[in-house]
N, C-alpha and C. Protein backbone atom coordinates (compact mmCIF):
# COMPACT_ATOMS: atom_id res chain seq x y z
N UNK A 1 109.64 84.03 128.15
CA UNK A 1 110.46 85.14 128.53
C UNK A 1 111.79 84.74 129.60
N UNK A 2 111.44 83.06 129.80
CA UNK A 2 112.79 83.14 130.79
C UNK A 2 114.05 82.50 130.16
N UNK A 3 113.91 81.96 128.70
CA UNK A 3 114.88 81.51 127.96
C UNK A 3 115.58 82.95 127.11
N UNK A 4 117.00 82.47 127.71
CA UNK A 4 117.78 83.76 127.32
C UNK A 4 118.74 83.48 126.13
N UNK A 5 118.56 82.33 125.56
CA UNK A 5 119.51 81.38 124.77
C UNK A 5 118.58 80.84 124.11
N UNK A 6 118.57 81.14 122.45
CA UNK A 6 117.97 80.35 121.63
C UNK A 6 118.31 78.73 121.41
N UNK A 7 119.47 78.40 122.01
CA UNK A 7 120.03 77.14 121.75
C UNK A 7 118.93 75.97 122.82
N UNK A 8 118.58 76.94 123.90
CA UNK A 8 117.89 75.95 124.73
C UNK A 8 116.36 75.96 124.13
N UNK A 9 116.21 76.54 123.24
CA UNK A 9 114.51 75.94 122.42
C UNK A 9 114.77 74.94 121.63
N UNK A 10 113.59 74.10 121.47
CA UNK A 10 113.63 72.55 120.52
C UNK A 10 112.63 73.14 119.77
N UNK A 11 112.72 73.05 118.26
CA UNK A 11 111.62 72.52 117.25
C UNK A 11 111.28 71.64 116.81
N UNK A 12 110.08 71.68 116.68
CA UNK A 12 109.37 70.15 116.70
C UNK A 12 108.11 70.48 115.53
N UNK A 13 108.08 69.52 114.83
CA UNK A 13 107.47 69.27 113.59
C UNK A 13 106.02 68.68 114.09
N UNK A 14 104.49 69.14 114.64
CA UNK A 14 103.59 68.30 115.10
C UNK A 14 102.42 68.41 114.29
N UNK A 15 102.15 66.93 114.06
CA UNK A 15 100.58 66.96 113.02
C UNK A 15 99.65 66.45 113.79
N UNK A 16 98.70 67.35 113.42
CA UNK A 16 97.56 67.48 114.30
C UNK A 16 96.30 67.70 113.52
N UNK A 17 95.18 66.34 113.51
CA UNK A 17 93.88 66.44 112.77
C UNK A 17 93.40 67.72 112.42
N UNK A 18 93.14 68.23 111.64
CA UNK A 18 92.25 69.60 111.36
C UNK A 18 91.19 69.66 112.46
N UNK A 19 90.54 68.88 112.59
CA UNK A 19 89.20 68.85 113.23
C UNK A 19 89.47 69.27 114.66
N UNK A 20 90.78 68.64 115.30
CA UNK A 20 91.21 68.98 116.84
C UNK A 20 91.71 69.97 116.73
N UNK A 21 92.34 70.78 115.98
CA UNK A 21 93.16 72.14 115.83
C UNK A 21 92.07 73.05 115.90
N UNK A 22 90.98 72.98 115.25
CA UNK A 22 89.71 73.85 115.28
C UNK A 22 89.01 74.23 116.62
N UNK A 23 89.00 72.72 117.33
CA UNK A 23 88.14 72.53 118.27
C UNK A 23 89.10 72.68 119.90
N UNK A 24 90.43 72.41 119.51
CA UNK A 24 91.03 72.26 121.03
C UNK A 24 92.29 73.66 121.13
N UNK A 25 92.63 73.95 119.80
CA UNK A 25 93.77 74.79 119.94
C UNK A 25 93.43 76.60 119.79
N UNK A 26 93.75 77.58 120.54
CA UNK A 26 93.55 78.77 120.48
C UNK A 26 95.13 79.39 120.52
N UNK A 27 95.04 80.43 119.83
CA UNK A 27 96.46 80.86 119.33
C UNK A 27 96.44 82.60 119.78
N UNK A 28 97.31 82.94 119.94
CA UNK A 28 97.28 84.62 120.30
C UNK A 28 98.55 85.38 119.82
N UNK A 29 98.69 86.43 120.08
CA UNK A 29 100.16 86.93 119.45
C UNK A 29 100.51 87.41 120.77
N UNK A 30 102.14 87.31 121.19
CA UNK A 30 102.51 88.01 122.39
C UNK A 30 104.11 88.51 121.81
N UNK A 31 104.84 89.65 121.90
CA UNK A 31 105.97 90.02 121.75
C UNK A 31 106.38 89.51 120.12
N UNK A 32 105.42 89.92 119.28
CA UNK A 32 105.64 89.78 118.25
C UNK A 32 105.50 88.09 117.33
N UNK A 33 105.32 87.49 118.62
CA UNK A 33 105.16 86.06 118.05
C UNK A 33 103.82 85.10 118.20
N UNK A 34 103.55 84.20 117.06
CA UNK A 34 102.07 83.82 117.38
C UNK A 34 102.39 82.63 118.61
N UNK A 35 101.67 82.70 119.52
CA UNK A 35 101.86 81.65 120.90
C UNK A 35 100.50 80.76 120.97
N UNK A 36 101.08 79.68 121.29
CA UNK A 36 99.72 78.85 121.97
C UNK A 36 99.30 79.83 123.36
N UNK A 37 98.09 79.73 123.43
CA UNK A 37 96.89 80.24 124.48
C UNK A 37 96.38 79.13 125.17
N UNK A 38 95.89 78.57 124.28
CA UNK A 38 95.06 77.50 125.13
C UNK A 38 95.02 75.94 124.32
N UNK A 39 95.04 74.83 125.03
CA UNK A 39 94.96 73.70 124.35
C UNK A 39 94.46 72.89 125.46
N UNK A 40 93.74 72.20 124.89
CA UNK A 40 92.31 71.20 125.64
C UNK A 40 91.98 69.97 124.91
N UNK A 41 93.11 69.56 124.24
CA UNK A 41 93.08 68.58 123.50
C UNK A 41 92.45 67.01 124.41
N UNK A 42 92.02 66.06 123.69
CA UNK A 42 91.70 65.00 124.23
C UNK A 42 92.53 64.02 124.91
N UNK A 43 92.79 63.00 125.57
CA UNK A 43 93.45 62.20 126.28
C UNK A 43 94.18 61.39 124.99
N UNK A 44 93.73 61.30 124.15
CA UNK A 44 94.20 60.40 123.00
C UNK A 44 95.27 61.10 122.35
N UNK A 45 95.08 62.38 122.43
CA UNK A 45 96.25 63.50 121.80
C UNK A 45 97.30 63.80 122.81
N UNK A 46 97.33 63.65 123.93
CA UNK A 46 98.20 64.05 125.00
C UNK A 46 98.20 65.69 125.07
N UNK A 47 99.21 65.61 125.75
CA UNK A 47 99.63 67.33 126.25
C UNK A 47 100.76 68.04 124.62
N UNK A 48 100.08 68.25 123.87
CA UNK A 48 100.86 68.50 122.28
C UNK A 48 101.53 69.92 122.76
N UNK A 49 100.96 70.52 123.25
CA UNK A 49 101.25 71.95 123.44
C UNK A 49 101.41 72.56 125.09
N UNK A 50 102.16 73.74 125.38
CA UNK A 50 102.17 74.04 126.68
C UNK A 50 101.83 75.93 126.16
N UNK A 51 101.60 76.68 127.25
CA UNK A 51 101.07 77.71 127.18
C UNK A 51 102.29 78.74 126.56
N UNK A 52 102.20 79.11 125.33
CA UNK A 52 103.32 80.05 125.19
C UNK A 52 104.10 79.46 124.07
N UNK A 53 103.93 78.28 123.64
CA UNK A 53 104.91 77.62 122.60
C UNK A 53 104.42 78.57 121.36
N UNK A 54 105.59 78.84 120.49
CA UNK A 54 105.37 79.45 119.46
C UNK A 54 105.18 78.59 118.01
N UNK A 55 104.28 79.04 117.18
CA UNK A 55 104.18 78.56 116.28
C UNK A 55 104.43 79.30 114.99
N UNK A 56 105.79 78.39 114.34
CA UNK A 56 106.33 79.70 113.36
C UNK A 56 105.98 79.18 111.99
N UNK A 57 105.40 77.93 111.66
CA UNK A 57 105.02 77.52 110.69
C UNK A 57 103.73 76.88 110.65
N UNK A 58 102.59 76.86 109.43
CA UNK A 58 101.46 76.09 109.05
C UNK A 58 101.53 75.39 107.68
N UNK A 59 101.69 73.96 108.01
CA UNK A 59 101.83 73.39 106.71
C UNK A 59 102.96 74.20 105.84
N UNK A 60 104.40 74.47 106.36
CA UNK A 60 105.56 74.93 105.73
C UNK A 60 105.47 76.46 105.12
N UNK A 61 103.89 76.95 105.35
CA UNK A 61 103.76 78.31 105.31
C UNK A 61 104.03 79.39 106.68
N UNK A 62 104.98 80.05 106.47
CA UNK A 62 105.03 81.09 107.63
C UNK A 62 104.52 82.21 107.87
N UNK A 63 102.89 81.98 108.40
CA UNK A 63 102.27 83.35 108.76
C UNK A 63 103.02 84.20 109.49
N UNK A 64 102.61 85.51 109.60
CA UNK A 64 102.93 87.04 110.10
C UNK A 64 102.22 87.28 111.00
N UNK A 65 101.29 87.00 111.32
CA UNK A 65 100.29 86.97 112.52
C UNK A 65 99.12 85.93 112.89
N UNK A 66 98.30 86.09 113.82
CA UNK A 66 97.38 85.14 114.14
C UNK A 66 96.44 84.70 113.30
N UNK A 67 96.10 85.97 112.49
CA UNK A 67 94.84 85.72 111.75
C UNK A 67 95.41 84.96 110.74
N UNK A 68 96.36 85.67 109.82
CA UNK A 68 97.11 84.83 108.88
C UNK A 68 97.58 83.00 108.95
N UNK A 69 97.76 82.92 110.48
CA UNK A 69 98.06 81.61 111.02
C UNK A 69 96.62 80.95 110.77
N UNK A 70 95.43 81.31 111.49
CA UNK A 70 94.33 80.98 111.27
C UNK A 70 93.60 80.80 109.72
N UNK A 71 93.66 81.47 109.18
CA UNK A 71 93.70 81.51 107.61
C UNK A 71 94.28 80.54 106.90
N UNK A 72 95.35 80.13 107.03
CA UNK A 72 96.36 78.88 106.51
C UNK A 72 95.89 77.50 106.90
N UNK A 73 95.10 77.47 108.42
CA UNK A 73 94.89 76.15 109.03
C UNK A 73 93.41 75.98 107.94
N UNK A 74 92.55 77.39 107.85
CA UNK A 74 91.26 77.04 107.51
C UNK A 74 91.37 76.88 105.93
N UNK A 75 92.55 76.86 105.51
CA UNK A 75 92.51 76.64 103.73
C UNK A 75 92.90 75.33 103.64
N UNK A 76 93.54 74.84 104.77
CA UNK A 76 94.32 73.55 104.69
C UNK A 76 93.53 72.46 103.92
N UNK A 77 93.77 71.66 102.84
CA UNK A 77 93.40 70.72 102.17
C UNK A 77 93.66 69.44 102.87
N UNK A 78 94.28 69.50 103.50
CA UNK A 78 95.02 67.84 104.41
C UNK A 78 94.24 67.78 105.64
N UNK A 79 93.81 66.53 105.64
CA UNK A 79 93.38 66.14 107.30
C UNK A 79 94.08 66.43 108.38
N UNK A 80 95.37 66.55 108.13
CA UNK A 80 96.36 66.98 109.27
C UNK A 80 97.22 68.15 108.97
N UNK A 81 97.27 69.00 109.97
CA UNK A 81 97.73 70.17 109.67
C UNK A 81 99.02 69.98 110.56
N UNK A 82 100.21 70.38 109.91
CA UNK A 82 101.56 70.56 110.25
C UNK A 82 101.43 71.73 110.67
N UNK A 83 102.12 71.83 112.18
CA UNK A 83 102.74 72.92 112.76
C UNK A 83 104.11 73.07 113.18
């Protein structure tokens, strides 16, 4: 909410093992965006997400809501998911 200019935002592709997403990542919806609400990944992964980061795509598919994002993640046939 503190960013007023979209040029201040950075888009990143993050590849995460599917098992780690299911274990450590929690998403929520805020202001019409899919956002990270909780990330408690192990030290080997580091701090990949911050509270409030937006998820705009899952394996190049653009979910419309949190349920669809989780659906895309659950249907992934890859060992790593691209967020």
